[in-house]
Amino acid sequence: MKTGTLAAGVILLVVGMLEYTGTTSFLTGLEVGLAAETLALLILLVGLAAAVAGALLPLKKPAAGPVVNPNEMKSCPECGKLMPPDAFRCPKCGARFRALRENL
């Protein structure tokens, strides 16, 4: 999707530049309420915004949380919710319990 946003932005940017400079005359044949120059400028700005958004979106990476093996999870003795092995309090019901190593 990010590549598609970048590609659509570049296409709109090129079409907007061609129409704004008068190289093509696609917009002059359309009967819209706006002047062809204004519409070309609008296409140019939307294309620029989409191209910038498509270029910057891949730079943002999702935050990676701590990875816990599901086989190492322990369950709450009160409600049964699964949680990491180093938890001392249940996030669901708030029950306190001793660490797993103390029960061995």
PDB file of N, CA and C in Angstrom:
ATOM      1  N   MET A   1       0.820  -1.187   0.000  1.00  0.00           N
ATOM      2  CA  MET A   1       0.000   0.000   0.000  1.00  0.00           C
ATOM      3  C   MET A   1       0.866   1.253   0.000  1.00  0.00           C
ATOM      4  N   LYS A   2       1.987   1.213   0.693  1.00  0.00           N
ATOM      5  CA  LYS A   2       2.850   2.383   0.752  1.00  0.00           C
ATOM      6  C   LYS A   2       3.448   2.681  -0.618  1.00  0.00           C
ATOM      7  N   THR A   3       3.807   1.611  -1.353  1.00  0.00           N
ATOM      8  CA  THR A   3       4.354   1.797  -2.690  1.00  0.00           C
ATOM      9  C   THR A   3       3.283   2.352  -3.617  1.00  0.00           C
ATOM     10  N   GLY A   4       2.055   1.891  -3.459  1.00  0.00           N
ATOM     11  CA  GLY A   4       0.952   2.406  -4.264  1.00  0.00           C
ATOM     12  C   GLY A   4       0.678   3.870  -3.987  1.00  0.00           C
ATOM     13  N   THR A   5       0.794   4.274  -2.730  1.00  0.00           N
ATOM     14  CA  THR A   5       0.596   5.681  -2.375  1.00  0.00           C
ATOM     15  C   THR A   5       1.665   6.545  -3.016  1.00  0.00           C
ATOM     16  N   LEU A   6       2.898   6.064  -2.979  1.00  0.00           N
ATOM     17  CA  LEU A   6       4.004   6.802  -3.588  1.00  0.00           C
ATOM     18  C   LEU A   6       3.812   6.895  -5.095  1.00  0.00           C
ATOM     19  N   ALA A   7       3.431   5.782  -5.731  1.00  0.00           N
ATOM     20  CA  ALA A   7       3.241   5.777  -7.183  1.00  0.00           C
ATOM     21  C   ALA A   7       2.087   6.688  -7.593  1.00  0.00           C
ATOM     22  N   ALA A   8       0.983   6.623  -6.867  1.00  0.00           N
ATOM     23  CA  ALA A   8      -0.155   7.490  -7.185  1.00  0.00           C
ATOM     24  C   ALA A   8       0.216   8.957  -6.995  1.00  0.00           C
ATOM     25  N   GLY A   9       0.984   9.242  -5.963  1.00  0.00           N
ATOM     26  CA  GLY A   9       1.415  10.615  -5.727  1.00  0.00           C
ATOM     27  C   GLY A   9       2.301  11.140  -6.834  1.00  0.00           C
ATOM     28  N   VAL A  10       3.219  10.292  -7.296  1.00  0.00           N
ATOM     29  CA  VAL A  10       4.119  10.712  -8.377  1.00  0.00           C
ATOM     30  C   VAL A  10       3.326  10.923  -9.665  1.00  0.00           C
ATOM     31  N   ILE A  11       2.376  10.030  -9.949  1.00  0.00           N
ATOM     32  CA  ILE A  11       1.558  10.179 -11.160  1.00  0.00           C
ATOM     33  C   ILE A  11       0.748  11.473 -11.103  1.00  0.00           C
ATOM     34  N   LEU A  12       0.101  11.728  -9.968  1.00  0.00           N
ATOM     35  CA  LEU A  12      -0.665  12.969  -9.827  1.00  0.00           C
ATOM     36  C   LEU A  12       0.238  14.198  -9.899  1.00  0.00           C
ATOM     37  N   LEU A  13       1.430  14.071  -9.360  1.00  0.00           N
ATOM     38  CA  LEU A  13       2.385  15.176  -9.403  1.00  0.00           C
ATOM     39  C   LEU A  13       2.774  15.498 -10.842  1.00  0.00           C
ATOM     40  N   VAL A  14       3.054  14.467 -11.623  1.00  0.00           N
ATOM     41  CA  VAL A  14       3.434  14.667 -13.027  1.00  0.00           C
ATOM     42  C   VAL A  14       2.262  15.231 -13.827  1.00  0.00           C
ATOM     43  N   VAL A  15       1.067  14.658 -13.636  1.00  0.00           N
ATOM     44  CA  VAL A  15      -0.109  15.163 -14.360  1.00  0.00           C
ATOM     45  C   VAL A  15      -0.379  16.613 -13.971  1.00  0.00           C
ATOM     46  N   GLY A  16      -0.274  16.919 -12.697  1.00  0.00           N
ATOM     47  CA  GLY A  16      -0.494  18.293 -12.256  1.00  0.00           C
ATOM     48  C   GLY A  16       0.513  19.262 -12.842  1.00  0.00           C
ATOM     49  N   MET A  17       1.779  18.841 -12.904  1.00  0.00           N
ATOM     50  CA  MET A  17       2.800  19.719 -13.487  1.00  0.00           C
ATOM     51  C   MET A  17       2.557  19.925 -14.980  1.00  0.00           C
ATOM     52  N   LEU A  18       2.208  18.843 -15.692  1.00  0.00           N
ATOM     53  CA  LEU A  18       1.950  18.974 -17.126  1.00  0.00           C
ATOM     54  C   LEU A  18       0.745  19.870 -17.401  1.00  0.00           C
ATOM     55  N   GLU A  19      -0.295  19.727 -16.616  1.00  0.00           N
ATOM     56  CA  GLU A  19      -1.481  20.557 -16.812  1.00  0.00           C
ATOM     57  C   GLU A  19      -1.226  22.009 -16.408  1.00  0.00           C
ATOM     58  N   TYR A  20      -0.480  22.205 -15.343  1.00  0.00           N
ATOM     59  CA  TYR A  20      -0.244  23.568 -14.862  1.00  0.00           C
ATOM     60  C   TYR A  20       0.629  24.357 -15.836  1.00  0.00           C
ATOM     61  N   THR A  21       1.589  23.671 -16.441  1.00  0.00           N
ATOM     62  CA  THR A  21       2.456  24.355 -17.399  1.00  0.00           C
ATOM     63  C   THR A  21       1.812  24.468 -18.772  1.00  0.00           C
ATOM     64  N   GLY A  22       0.686  23.787 -18.984  1.00  0.00           N
ATOM     65  CA  GLY A  22      -0.006  23.889 -20.265  1.00  0.00           C
ATOM     66  C   GLY A  22       0.513  22.929 -21.311  1.00  0.00           C
ATOM     67  N   THR A  23       1.321  21.968 -20.926  1.00  0.00           N
ATOM     68  CA  THR A  23       1.859  20.997 -21.872  1.00  0.00           C
ATOM     69  C   THR A  23       0.755  20.101 -22.424  1.00  0.00           C
ATOM     70  N   THR A  24      -0.178  19.715 -21.589  1.00  0.00           N
ATOM     71  CA  THR A  24      -1.321  18.920 -22.036  1.00  0.00           C
ATOM     72  C   THR A  24      -2.585  19.743 -21.854  1.00  0.00           C
ATOM     73  N   SER A  25      -3.654  19.316 -22.496  1.00  0.00           N
ATOM     74  CA  SER A  25      -4.899  20.082 -22.392  1.00  0.00           C
ATOM     75  C   SER A  25      -6.059  19.178 -21.989  1.00  0.00           C
ATOM     76  N   PHE A  26      -5.811  18.245 -21.111  1.00  0.00           N
ATOM     77  CA  PHE A  26      -6.865  17.332 -20.677  1.00  0.00           C
ATOM     78  C   PHE A  26      -7.923  18.057 -19.853  1.00  0.00           C
ATOM     79  N   LEU A  27      -7.500  18.932 -18.962  1.00  0.00           N
ATOM     80  CA  LEU A  27      -8.443  19.598 -18.064  1.00  0.00           C
ATOM     81  C   LEU A  27      -9.247  20.699 -18.739  1.00  0.00           C
ATOM     82  N   THR A  28      -8.763  21.245 -19.840  1.00  0.00           N
ATOM     83  CA  THR A  28      -9.505  22.328 -20.489  1.00  0.00           C
ATOM     84  C   THR A  28     -10.785  21.816 -21.134  1.00  0.00           C
ATOM     85  N   GLY A  29     -10.833  20.542 -21.521  1.00  0.00           N
ATOM     86  CA  GLY A  29     -12.037  19.971 -22.117  1.00  0.00           C
ATOM     87  C   GLY A  29     -13.086  19.597 -21.094  1.00  0.00           C
ATOM     88  N   LEU A  30     -12.717  19.518 -19.831  1.00  0.00           N
ATOM     89  CA  LEU A  30     -13.675  19.156 -18.786  1.00  0.00           C
ATOM     90  C   LEU A  30     -14.490  20.376 -18.380  1.00  0.00           C
ATOM     91  N   GLU A  31     -15.747  20.148 -18.136  1.00  0.00           N
ATOM     92  CA  GLU A  31     -16.618  21.230 -17.674  1.00  0.00           C
ATOM     93  C   GLU A  31     -16.794  21.110 -16.166  1.00  0.00           C
ATOM     94  N   VAL A  32     -15.839  21.621 -15.426  1.00  0.00           N
ATOM     95  CA  VAL A  32     -15.932  21.658 -13.971  1.00  0.00           C
ATOM     96  C   VAL A  32     -16.035  23.119 -13.556  1.00  0.00           C
ATOM     97  N   GLY A  33     -16.493  23.345 -12.354  1.00  0.00           N
ATOM     98  CA  GLY A  33     -16.704  24.708 -11.894  1.00  0.00           C
ATOM     99  C   GLY A  33     -15.420  25.488 -11.650  1.00  0.00           C
ATOM    100  N   LEU A  34     -14.295  24.813 -11.624  1.00  0.00           N
ATOM    101  CA  LEU A  34     -13.026  25.485 -11.349  1.00  0.00           C
ATOM    102  C   LEU A  34     -12.298  25.796 -12.648  1.00  0.00           C
ATOM    103  N   ALA A  35     -11.436  26.767 -12.598  1.00  0.00           N
ATOM    104  CA  ALA A  35     -10.592  27.052 -13.748  1.00  0.00           C
ATOM    105  C   ALA A  35      -9.584  25.919 -13.911  1.00  0.00           C
ATOM    106  N   ALA A  36      -9.138  25.694 -15.118  1.00  0.00           N
ATOM    107  CA  ALA A  36      -8.213  24.595 -15.401  1.00  0.00           C
ATOM    108  C   ALA A  36      -6.910  24.774 -14.628  1.00  0.00           C
ATOM    109  N   GLU A  37      -6.461  26.007 -14.495  1.00  0.00           N
ATOM    110  CA  GLU A  37      -5.225  26.268 -13.746  1.00  0.00           C
ATOM    111  C   GLU A  37      -5.377  25.913 -12.275  1.00  0.00           C
ATOM    112  N   THR A  38      -6.509  26.267 -11.701  1.00  0.00           N
ATOM    113  CA  THR A  38      -6.762  25.970 -10.290  1.00  0.00           C
ATOM    114  C   THR A  38      -6.850  24.472 -10.062  1.00  0.00           C
ATOM    115  N   LEU A  39      -7.524  23.769 -10.960  1.00  0.00           N
ATOM    116  CA  LEU A  39      -7.643  22.323 -10.843  1.00  0.00           C
ATOM    117  C   LEU A  39      -6.286  21.646 -11.015  1.00  0.00           C
ATOM    118  N   ALA A  40      -5.474  22.145 -11.943  1.00  0.00           N
ATOM    119  CA  ALA A  40      -4.138  21.589 -12.141  1.00  0.00           C
ATOM    120  C   ALA A  40      -3.277  21.814 -10.902  1.00  0.00           C
ATOM    121  N   LEU A  41      -3.396  22.974 -10.296  1.00  0.00           N
ATOM    122  CA  LEU A  41      -2.639  23.258  -9.080  1.00  0.00           C
ATOM    123  C   LEU A  41      -3.097  22.366  -7.933  1.00  0.00           C
ATOM    124  N   LEU A  42      -4.397  22.117  -7.849  1.00  0.00           N
ATOM    125  CA  LEU A  42      -4.929  21.223  -6.826  1.00  0.00           C
ATOM    126  C   LEU A  42      -4.407  19.798  -7.023  1.00  0.00           C
ATOM    127  N   ILE A  43      -4.403  19.318  -8.266  1.00  0.00           N
ATOM    128  CA  ILE A  43      -3.863  17.984  -8.562  1.00  0.00           C
ATOM    129  C   ILE A  43      -2.383  17.933  -8.214  1.00  0.00           C
ATOM    130  N   LEU A  44      -1.670  18.991  -8.516  1.00  0.00           N
ATOM    131  CA  LEU A  44      -0.241  19.065  -8.207  1.00  0.00           C
ATOM    132  C   LEU A  44       0.000  18.968  -6.703  1.00  0.00           C
ATOM    133  N   LEU A  45      -0.771  19.695  -5.919  1.00  0.00           N
ATOM    134  CA  LEU A  45      -0.591  19.676  -4.466  1.00  0.00           C
ATOM    135  C   LEU A  45      -0.997  18.339  -3.854  1.00  0.00           C
ATOM    136  N   VAL A  46      -2.089  17.748  -4.334  1.00  0.00           N
ATOM    137  CA  VAL A  46      -2.503  16.431  -3.829  1.00  0.00           C
ATOM    138  C   VAL A  46      -1.453  15.385  -4.181  1.00  0.00           C
ATOM    139  N   GLY A  47      -0.922  15.453  -5.388  1.00  0.00           N
ATOM    140  CA  GLY A  47       0.134  14.523  -5.790  1.00  0.00           C
ATOM    141  C   GLY A  47       1.382  14.681  -4.947  1.00  0.00           C
ATOM    142  N   LEU A  48       1.743  15.916  -4.641  1.00  0.00           N
ATOM    143  CA  LEU A  48       2.911  16.154  -3.794  1.00  0.00           C
ATOM    144  C   LEU A  48       2.692  15.599  -2.395  1.00  0.00           C
ATOM    145  N   ALA A  49       1.504  15.826  -1.843  1.00  0.00           N
ATOM    146  CA  ALA A  49       1.206  15.309  -0.502  1.00  0.00           C
ATOM    147  C   ALA A  49       1.215  13.785  -0.483  1.00  0.00           C
ATOM    148  N   ALA A  50       0.639  13.154  -1.504  1.00  0.00           N
ATOM    149  CA  ALA A  50       0.614  11.689  -1.556  1.00  0.00           C
ATOM    150  C   ALA A  50       2.016  11.121  -1.744  1.00  0.00           C
ATOM    151  N   ALA A  51       2.839  11.770  -2.557  1.00  0.00           N
ATOM    152  CA  ALA A  51       4.205  11.288  -2.766  1.00  0.00           C
ATOM    153  C   ALA A  51       5.025  11.408  -1.486  1.00  0.00           C
ATOM    154  N   VAL A  52       4.879  12.506  -0.777  1.00  0.00           N
ATOM    155  CA  VAL A  52       5.603  12.675   0.488  1.00  0.00           C
ATOM    156  C   VAL A  52       5.121  11.660   1.516  1.00  0.00           C
ATOM    157  N   ALA A  53       3.812  11.457   1.598  1.00  0.00           N
ATOM    158  CA  ALA A  53       3.276  10.474   2.547  1.00  0.00           C
ATOM    159  C   ALA A  53       3.742   9.072   2.192  1.00  0.00           C
ATOM    160  N   GLY A  54       3.747   8.729   0.921  1.00  0.00           N
ATOM    161  CA  GLY A  54       4.209   7.411   0.498  1.00  0.00           C
ATOM    162  C   GLY A  54       5.690   7.211   0.740  1.00  0.00           C
ATOM    163  N   ALA A  55       6.462   8.281   0.672  1.00  0.00           N
ATOM    164  CA  ALA A  55       7.900   8.166   0.918  1.00  0.00           C
ATOM    165  C   ALA A  55       8.211   8.084   2.406  1.00  0.00           C
ATOM    166  N   LEU A  56       7.421   8.757   3.236  1.00  0.00           N
ATOM    167  CA  LEU A  56       7.706   8.783   4.667  1.00  0.00           C
ATOM    168  C   LEU A  56       7.091   7.625   5.433  1.00  0.00           C
ATOM    169  N   LEU A  57       6.010   7.036   4.950  1.00  0.00           N
ATOM    170  CA  LEU A  57       5.364   5.936   5.664  1.00  0.00           C
ATOM    171  C   LEU A  57       6.278   4.732   5.874  1.00  0.00           C
ATOM    172  N   PRO A  58       7.091   4.334   4.900  1.00  0.00           N
ATOM    173  CA  PRO A  58       7.960   3.181   5.156  1.00  0.00           C
ATOM    174  C   PRO A  58       9.011   3.439   6.231  1.00  0.00           C
ATOM    175  N   LEU A  59       9.302   4.692   6.522  1.00  0.00           N
ATOM    176  CA  LEU A  59      10.309   5.000   7.534  1.00  0.00           C
ATOM    177  C   LEU A  59       9.804   4.716   8.943  1.00  0.00           C
ATOM    178  N   LYS A  60       8.491   4.729   9.130  1.00  0.00           N
ATOM    179  CA  LYS A  60       7.919   4.495  10.447  1.00  0.00           C
ATOM    180  C   LYS A  60       7.754   2.996  10.657  1.00  0.00           C
ATOM    181  N   LYS A  61       8.451   2.468  11.643  1.00  0.00           N
ATOM    182  CA  LYS A  61       8.371   1.044  11.935  1.00  0.00           C
ATOM    183  C   LYS A  61       7.522   0.833  13.178  1.00  0.00           C
ATOM    184  N   PRO A  62       6.749  -0.239  13.203  1.00  0.00           N
ATOM    185  CA  PRO A  62       5.944  -0.501  14.402  1.00  0.00           C
ATOM    186  C   PRO A  62       6.836  -0.821  15.593  1.00  0.00           C
ATOM    187  N   ALA A  63       6.394  -0.382  16.756  1.00  0.00           N
ATOM    188  CA  ALA A  63       7.162  -0.635  17.973  1.00  0.00           C
ATOM    189  C   ALA A  63       7.093  -2.122  18.311  1.00  0.00           C
ATOM    190  N   ALA A  64       8.256  -2.693  18.495  1.00  0.00           N
ATOM    191  CA  ALA A  64       8.317  -4.118  18.818  1.00  0.00           C
ATOM    192  C   ALA A  64       8.351  -4.285  20.329  1.00  0.00           C
ATOM    193  N   GLY A  65       7.391  -4.992  20.846  1.00  0.00           N
ATOM    194  CA  GLY A  65       7.339  -5.265  22.275  1.00  0.00           C
ATOM    195  C   GLY A  65       8.202  -6.467  22.602  1.00  0.00           C
ATOM    196  N   PRO A  66       8.332  -6.770  23.864  1.00  0.00           N
ATOM    197  CA  PRO A  66       9.133  -7.934  24.236  1.00  0.00           C
ATOM    198  C   PRO A  66       8.465  -9.219  23.744  1.00  0.00           C
ATOM    199  N   VAL A  67       9.273 -10.096  23.195  1.00  0.00           N
ATOM    200  CA  VAL A  67       8.761 -11.354  22.668  1.00  0.00           C
ATOM    201  C   VAL A  67       8.820 -12.409  23.766  1.00  0.00           C
ATOM    202  N   VAL A  68       7.682 -13.033  24.041  1.00  0.00           N
ATOM    203  CA  VAL A  68       7.600 -14.062  25.071  1.00  0.00           C
ATOM    204  C   VAL A  68       7.122 -15.345  24.409  1.00  0.00           C
ATOM    205  N   ASN A  69       7.824 -16.421  24.662  1.00  0.00           N
ATOM    206  CA  ASN A  69       7.440 -17.722  24.135  1.00  0.00           C
ATOM    207  C   ASN A  69       6.134 -18.154  24.807  1.00  0.00           C
ATOM    208  N   PRO A  70       5.117 -18.535  24.041  1.00  0.00           N
ATOM    209  CA  PRO A  70       3.844 -18.933  24.654  1.00  0.00           C
ATOM    210  C   PRO A  70       3.973 -20.148  25.568  1.00  0.00           C
ATOM    211  N   ASN A  71       4.976 -20.974  25.339  1.00  0.00           N
ATOM    212  CA  ASN A  71       5.171 -22.146  26.189  1.00  0.00           C
ATOM    213  C   ASN A  71       5.704 -21.772  27.568  1.00  0.00           C
ATOM    214  N   GLU A  72       6.266 -20.573  27.690  1.00  0.00           N
ATOM    215  CA  GLU A  72       6.818 -20.124  28.967  1.00  0.00           C
ATOM    216  C   GLU A  72       5.818 -19.293  29.773  1.00  0.00           C
ATOM    217  N   MET A  73       4.639 -19.079  29.245  1.00  0.00           N
ATOM    218  CA  MET A  73       3.639 -18.274  29.941  1.00  0.00           C
ATOM    219  C   MET A  73       3.113 -19.030  31.158  1.00  0.00           C
ATOM    220  N   LYS A  74       2.679 -18.276  32.157  1.00  0.00           N
ATOM    221  CA  LYS A  74       2.045 -18.896  33.321  1.00  0.00           C
ATOM    222  C   LYS A  74       0.636 -18.336  33.440  1.00  0.00           C
ATOM    223  N   SER A  75      -0.215 -19.029  34.152  1.00  0.00           N
ATOM    224  CA  SER A  75      -1.593 -18.574  34.277  1.00  0.00           C
ATOM    225  C   SER A  75      -1.863 -18.115  35.704  1.00  0.00           C
ATOM    226  N   CYS A  76      -2.781 -17.177  35.827  1.00  0.00           N
ATOM    227  CA  CYS A  76      -3.173 -16.644  37.129  1.00  0.00           C
ATOM    228  C   CYS A  76      -3.958 -17.715  37.884  1.00  0.00           C
ATOM    229  N   PRO A  77      -3.646 -17.930  39.167  1.00  0.00           N
ATOM    230  CA  PRO A  77      -4.393 -18.930  39.928  1.00  0.00           C
ATOM    231  C   PRO A  77      -5.838 -18.505  40.215  1.00  0.00           C
ATOM    232  N   GLU A  78      -6.140 -17.207  40.117  1.00  0.00           N
ATOM    233  CA  GLU A  78      -7.494 -16.721  40.399  1.00  0.00           C
ATOM    234  C   GLU A  78      -8.399 -16.749  39.165  1.00  0.00           C
ATOM    235  N   CYS A  79      -7.916 -16.149  38.058  1.00  0.00           N
ATOM    236  CA  CYS A  79      -8.790 -16.016  36.886  1.00  0.00           C
ATOM    237  C   CYS A  79      -8.330 -16.839  35.688  1.00  0.00           C
ATOM    238  N   GLY A  80      -7.103 -17.327  35.694  1.00  0.00           N
ATOM    239  CA  GLY A  80      -6.609 -18.164  34.610  1.00  0.00           C
ATOM    240  C   GLY A  80      -6.027 -17.417  33.425  1.00  0.00           C
ATOM    241  N   LYS A  81      -5.872 -16.091  33.502  1.00  0.00           N
ATOM    242  CA  LYS A  81      -5.305 -15.320  32.397  1.00  0.00           C
ATOM    243  C   LYS A  81      -3.834 -15.656  32.232  1.00  0.00           C
ATOM    244  N   LEU A  82      -3.399 -15.817  30.969  1.00  0.00           N
ATOM    245  CA  LEU A  82      -1.993 -16.079  30.687  1.00  0.00           C
ATOM    246  C   LEU A  82      -1.210 -14.781  30.762  1.00  0.00           C
ATOM    247  N   MET A  83       0.008 -14.878  31.308  1.00  0.00           N
ATOM    248  CA  MET A  83       0.867 -13.705  31.456  1.00  0.00           C
ATOM    249  C   MET A  83       2.322 -14.129  31.382  1.00  0.00           C
ATOM    250  N   PRO A  84       3.249 -13.176  31.235  1.00  0.00           N
ATOM    251  CA  PRO A  84       4.670 -13.509  31.176  1.00  0.00           C
ATOM    252  C   PRO A  84       5.133 -14.185  32.464  1.00  0.00           C
ATOM    253  N   PRO A  85       6.200 -14.982  32.373  1.00  0.00           N
ATOM    254  CA  PRO A  85       6.644 -15.733  33.550  1.00  0.00           C
ATOM    255  C   PRO A  85       7.202 -14.866  34.678  1.00  0.00           C
ATOM    256  N   ASP A  86       7.607 -13.634  34.392  1.00  0.00           N
ATOM    257  CA  ASP A  86       8.187 -12.792  35.443  1.00  0.00           C
ATOM    258  C   ASP A  86       7.159 -11.854  36.091  1.00  0.00           C
ATOM    259  N   ALA A  87       5.884 -11.997  35.775  1.00  0.00           N
ATOM    260  CA  ALA A  87       4.845 -11.134  36.353  1.00  0.00           C
ATOM    261  C   ALA A  87       4.556 -11.544  37.791  1.00  0.00           C
ATOM    262  N   PHE A  88       4.351 -10.556  38.660  1.00  0.00           N
ATOM    263  CA  PHE A  88       4.041 -10.798  40.068  1.00  0.00           C
ATOM    264  C   PHE A  88       2.589 -10.467  40.401  1.00  0.00           C
ATOM    265  N   ARG A  89       1.887  -9.832  39.450  1.00  0.00           N
ATOM    266  CA  ARG A  89       0.497  -9.437  39.662  1.00  0.00           C
ATOM    267  C   ARG A  89      -0.259  -9.684  38.360  1.00  0.00           C
ATOM    268  N   CYS A  90      -1.471 -10.169  38.491  1.00  0.00           N
ATOM    269  CA  CYS A  90      -2.305 -10.451  37.318  1.00  0.00           C
ATOM    270  C   CYS A  90      -2.809  -9.134  36.726  1.00  0.00           C
ATOM    271  N   PRO A  91      -2.623  -8.910  35.414  1.00  0.00           N
ATOM    272  CA  PRO A  91      -3.106  -7.665  34.812  1.00  0.00           C
ATOM    273  C   PRO A  91      -4.625  -7.609  34.691  1.00  0.00           C
ATOM    274  N   LYS A  92      -5.296  -8.759  34.764  1.00  0.00           N
ATOM    275  CA  LYS A  92      -6.750  -8.783  34.614  1.00  0.00           C
ATOM    276  C   LYS A  92      -7.467  -8.595  35.952  1.00  0.00           C
ATOM    277  N   CYS A  93      -7.125  -9.442  36.942  1.00  0.00           N
ATOM    278  CA  CYS A  93      -7.860  -9.382  38.211  1.00  0.00           C
ATOM    279  C   CYS A  93      -7.057  -8.729  39.332  1.00  0.00           C
ATOM    280  N   GLY A  94      -5.752  -8.529  39.142  1.00  0.00           N
ATOM    281  CA  GLY A  94      -4.929  -7.862  40.146  1.00  0.00           C
ATOM    282  C   GLY A  94      -4.432  -8.765  41.256  1.00  0.00           C
ATOM    283  N   ALA A  95      -4.648 -10.064  41.148  1.00  0.00           N
ATOM    284  CA  ALA A  95      -4.205 -10.986  42.198  1.00  0.00           C
ATOM    285  C   ALA A  95      -2.686 -11.030  42.253  1.00  0.00           C
ATOM    286  N   ARG A  96      -2.144 -11.044  43.465  1.00  0.00           N
ATOM    287  CA  ARG A  96      -0.701 -11.166  43.653  1.00  0.00           C
ATOM    288  C   ARG A  96      -0.359 -12.632  43.848  1.00  0.00           C
ATOM    289  N   PHE A  97       0.812 -13.027  43.371  1.00  0.00           N
ATOM    290  CA  PHE A  97       1.254 -14.402  43.561  1.00  0.00           C
ATOM    291  C   PHE A  97       2.765 -14.436  43.549  1.00  0.00           C
ATOM    292  N   ARG A  98       3.299 -15.505  44.072  1.00  0.00           N
ATOM    293  CA  ARG A  98       4.745 -15.652  44.132  1.00  0.00           C
ATOM    294  C   ARG A  98       5.286 -16.012  42.762  1.00  0.00           C
ATOM    295  N   ALA A  99       6.558 -15.770  42.576  1.00  0.00           N
ATOM    296  CA  ALA A  99       7.196 -16.104  41.309  1.00  0.00           C
ATOM    297  C   ALA A  99       7.208 -17.614  41.125  1.00  0.00           C
ATOM    298  N   LEU A 100       7.323 -18.044  39.887  1.00  0.00           N
ATOM    299  CA  LEU A 100       7.290 -19.462  39.569  1.00  0.00           C
ATOM    300  C   LEU A 100       8.451 -20.204  40.221  1.00  0.00           C
ATOM    301  N   ARG A 101       9.607 -19.564  40.292  1.00  0.00           N
ATOM    302  CA  ARG A 101      10.780 -20.239  40.863  1.00  0.00           C
ATOM    303  C   ARG A 101      10.630 -20.470  42.373  1.00  0.00           C
ATOM    304  N   GLU A 102       9.786 -19.670  43.050  1.00  0.00           N
ATOM    305  CA  GLU A 102       9.565 -19.875  44.481  1.00  0.00           C
ATOM    306  C   GLU A 102       8.656 -21.071  44.738  1.00  0.00           C
ATOM    307  N   ASN A 103       7.865 -21.461  43.738  1.00  0.00           N
ATOM    308  CA  ASN A 103       6.954 -22.587  43.892  1.00  0.00           C
ATOM    309  C   ASN A 103       7.630 -23.923  43.619  1.00  0.00           C
ATOM    310  N   LEU A 104       8.842 -23.913  43.121  1.00  0.00           N
ATOM    311  CA  LEU A 104       9.529 -25.174  42.794  1.00  0.00           C
ATOM    312  C   LEU A 104      10.093 -25.849  44.008  1.00  0.00           C
TER     313      LEU A 104
END
